[in-house]
N, C-alpha and C. Protein backbone atom coordinates (compact mmCIF):
# COMPACT_ATOMS: atom_id res chain seq x y z
N MET A 1 0.83 -1.18 -0.02
CA MET A 1 -0.02 0.00 0.01
C MET A 1 0.90 1.22 0.01
N GLN A 2 0.58 2.15 -0.91
CA GLN A 2 1.32 3.37 -0.97
C GLN A 2 0.56 4.48 -0.27
N TYR A 3 1.18 5.07 0.72
CA TYR A 3 0.49 6.14 1.45
C TYR A 3 0.70 7.49 0.79
N ARG A 4 -0.20 8.37 1.09
CA ARG A 4 -0.11 9.75 0.60
C ARG A 4 0.45 10.59 1.74
N TRP A 5 1.76 10.65 1.80
CA TRP A 5 2.42 11.30 2.95
C TRP A 5 2.04 12.78 3.06
N GLU A 6 1.89 13.45 1.95
CA GLU A 6 1.52 14.88 2.00
C GLU A 6 0.26 15.11 2.80
N GLU A 7 -0.79 14.31 2.47
CA GLU A 7 -2.07 14.45 3.15
C GLU A 7 -1.95 14.05 4.64
N ILE A 8 -1.21 12.95 4.85
CA ILE A 8 -1.02 12.50 6.24
C ILE A 8 -0.26 13.56 7.08
N ASP A 9 0.75 14.14 6.51
CA ASP A 9 1.53 15.16 7.22
C ASP A 9 0.68 16.41 7.50
N GLN A 10 -0.14 16.81 6.53
CA GLN A 10 -1.03 17.96 6.73
C GLN A 10 -2.01 17.69 7.84
N LEU A 11 -2.62 16.48 7.81
CA LEU A 11 -3.60 16.14 8.85
C LEU A 11 -2.92 16.07 10.21
N ALA A 12 -1.75 15.50 10.24
CA ALA A 12 -0.99 15.39 11.55
C ALA A 12 -0.73 16.77 12.11
N ALA A 13 -0.37 17.72 11.26
CA ALA A 13 -0.10 19.08 11.73
C ALA A 13 -1.35 19.72 12.30
N ILE A 14 -2.49 19.49 11.67
CA ILE A 14 -3.77 20.02 12.15
C ILE A 14 -4.10 19.41 13.49
N LEU A 15 -3.96 18.08 13.64
CA LEU A 15 -4.28 17.41 14.88
C LEU A 15 -3.36 17.85 16.00
N GLU A 16 -2.08 18.00 15.71
CA GLU A 16 -1.14 18.51 16.69
C GLU A 16 -1.45 19.89 17.17
N ALA A 17 -1.85 20.79 16.23
CA ALA A 17 -2.22 22.15 16.57
C ALA A 17 -3.48 22.13 17.45
N GLU A 18 -4.45 21.32 17.10
CA GLU A 18 -5.67 21.24 17.91
C GLU A 18 -5.33 20.73 19.35
N ALA A 19 -4.49 19.73 19.44
CA ALA A 19 -4.08 19.19 20.76
C ALA A 19 -3.38 20.26 21.59
N ALA A 20 -2.67 21.14 20.97
CA ALA A 20 -1.97 22.21 21.65
C ALA A 20 -2.86 23.37 22.00
N GLY A 21 -4.16 23.29 21.60
CA GLY A 21 -5.09 24.32 21.94
C GLY A 21 -5.22 25.42 20.91
N HIS A 22 -4.62 25.24 19.76
CA HIS A 22 -4.71 26.29 18.71
C HIS A 22 -5.92 26.07 17.86
N PRO A 23 -6.48 27.17 17.28
CA PRO A 23 -7.60 27.02 16.39
C PRO A 23 -7.14 26.31 15.11
N VAL A 24 -8.02 25.49 14.56
CA VAL A 24 -7.67 24.75 13.34
C VAL A 24 -8.77 24.86 12.33
N ASP A 25 -8.42 24.57 11.10
CA ASP A 25 -9.40 24.53 10.00
C ASP A 25 -10.04 23.15 9.99
N THR A 26 -11.20 23.05 10.65
CA THR A 26 -11.87 21.74 10.75
C THR A 26 -12.34 21.23 9.43
N ASP A 27 -12.73 22.09 8.56
CA ASP A 27 -13.15 21.65 7.18
C ASP A 27 -11.98 21.00 6.49
N ARG A 28 -10.84 21.61 6.57
CA ARG A 28 -9.63 21.01 5.91
C ARG A 28 -9.30 19.67 6.54
N ALA A 29 -9.36 19.57 7.85
CA ALA A 29 -9.05 18.30 8.54
C ALA A 29 -10.01 17.21 8.05
N ARG A 30 -11.28 17.55 8.02
CA ARG A 30 -12.28 16.56 7.55
C ARG A 30 -12.06 16.18 6.09
N ASP A 31 -11.75 17.15 5.22
CA ASP A 31 -11.50 16.86 3.83
C ASP A 31 -10.28 15.92 3.66
N LEU A 32 -9.22 16.23 4.37
CA LEU A 32 -8.04 15.38 4.31
C LEU A 32 -8.34 13.97 4.78
N ALA A 33 -9.05 13.83 5.90
CA ALA A 33 -9.39 12.49 6.41
C ALA A 33 -10.28 11.75 5.44
N GLU A 34 -11.24 12.43 4.81
CA GLU A 34 -12.12 11.77 3.84
C GLU A 34 -11.31 11.30 2.62
N ARG A 35 -10.36 12.10 2.21
CA ARG A 35 -9.52 11.69 1.07
C ARG A 35 -8.64 10.48 1.44
N LEU A 36 -8.13 10.48 2.68
CA LEU A 36 -7.30 9.33 3.09
C LEU A 36 -8.10 8.08 3.28
N VAL A 37 -9.37 8.17 3.60
CA VAL A 37 -10.25 6.99 3.64
C VAL A 37 -10.21 6.26 2.30
N ARG A 38 -10.30 7.03 1.23
CA ARG A 38 -10.31 6.44 -0.13
C ARG A 38 -8.94 6.01 -0.57
N LEU A 39 -7.89 6.79 -0.22
CA LEU A 39 -6.55 6.48 -0.71
C LEU A 39 -5.85 5.39 0.04
N CYS A 40 -6.16 5.28 1.31
CA CYS A 40 -5.45 4.30 2.20
C CYS A 40 -6.45 3.48 2.96
N PRO A 41 -7.03 2.45 2.34
CA PRO A 41 -8.08 1.65 2.98
C PRO A 41 -7.66 1.02 4.33
N ASP A 42 -6.37 0.75 4.46
CA ASP A 42 -5.96 0.07 5.73
C ASP A 42 -5.95 1.05 6.92
N ILE A 43 -6.07 2.35 6.68
CA ILE A 43 -6.24 3.26 7.85
C ILE A 43 -7.58 3.93 7.79
N ALA A 44 -8.49 3.43 7.00
CA ALA A 44 -9.82 4.01 6.82
C ALA A 44 -10.60 4.10 8.12
N LYS A 45 -10.49 3.09 8.97
CA LYS A 45 -11.23 3.10 10.22
C LYS A 45 -10.81 4.31 11.10
N THR A 46 -9.50 4.55 11.19
CA THR A 46 -9.02 5.67 11.99
C THR A 46 -9.40 6.98 11.33
N MET A 47 -9.31 7.06 10.02
CA MET A 47 -9.67 8.30 9.33
C MET A 47 -11.15 8.58 9.44
N ASN A 48 -11.97 7.57 9.46
CA ASN A 48 -13.41 7.77 9.66
C ASN A 48 -13.70 8.36 11.02
N ARG A 49 -12.90 8.03 12.01
CA ARG A 49 -13.05 8.60 13.34
C ARG A 49 -12.68 10.09 13.31
N VAL A 50 -11.64 10.43 12.53
CA VAL A 50 -11.26 11.81 12.36
C VAL A 50 -12.36 12.58 11.66
N VAL A 51 -12.95 12.01 10.65
CA VAL A 51 -14.08 12.64 9.93
C VAL A 51 -15.20 12.91 10.93
N GLU A 52 -15.56 11.93 11.74
CA GLU A 52 -16.59 12.12 12.75
C GLU A 52 -16.25 13.22 13.74
N ARG A 53 -14.98 13.23 14.15
CA ARG A 53 -14.51 14.22 15.12
C ARG A 53 -14.66 15.64 14.61
N PHE A 54 -14.45 15.86 13.31
CA PHE A 54 -14.51 17.16 12.74
C PHE A 54 -15.80 17.42 11.94
N ALA A 55 -16.79 16.61 12.15
CA ALA A 55 -18.10 16.83 11.50
C ALA A 55 -18.71 18.08 12.09
N PRO A 56 -19.50 18.79 11.32
CA PRO A 56 -20.13 20.03 11.82
C PRO A 56 -20.96 19.79 13.07
N GLU A 57 -21.58 18.64 13.18
CA GLU A 57 -22.42 18.33 14.35
C GLU A 57 -21.54 18.19 15.59
N ALA A 58 -20.33 17.69 15.45
CA ALA A 58 -19.38 17.54 16.58
C ALA A 58 -18.98 18.92 17.11
N ALA A 59 -18.77 19.84 16.20
CA ALA A 59 -18.37 21.20 16.64
C ALA A 59 -19.50 21.86 17.38
N THR A 60 -20.74 21.65 16.98
CA THR A 60 -21.87 22.24 17.67
C THR A 60 -22.03 21.64 19.06
N ALA A 61 -21.83 20.32 19.16
CA ALA A 61 -21.96 19.63 20.43
C ALA A 61 -20.90 20.03 21.44
N ALA A 62 -19.70 20.35 20.92
CA ALA A 62 -18.56 20.74 21.77
C ALA A 62 -18.74 22.14 22.31
N ALA A 63 -19.48 22.95 21.62
CA ALA A 63 -19.65 24.37 22.01
C ALA A 63 -20.55 24.59 23.17
């Protein structure tokens, strides 16, 4: 399986920024995770959790 490191690196940076308490582009995080679901089926389960985490409904519930 060939990974898309550019997308993985971008998503990792977003997740690290969020963990550090910085504001993040949730739409971009969700888009990257959705793309990785298709490109990397072996990590799809984890990426689906990221998609759920950054869904608009999740942001409303967290507020």
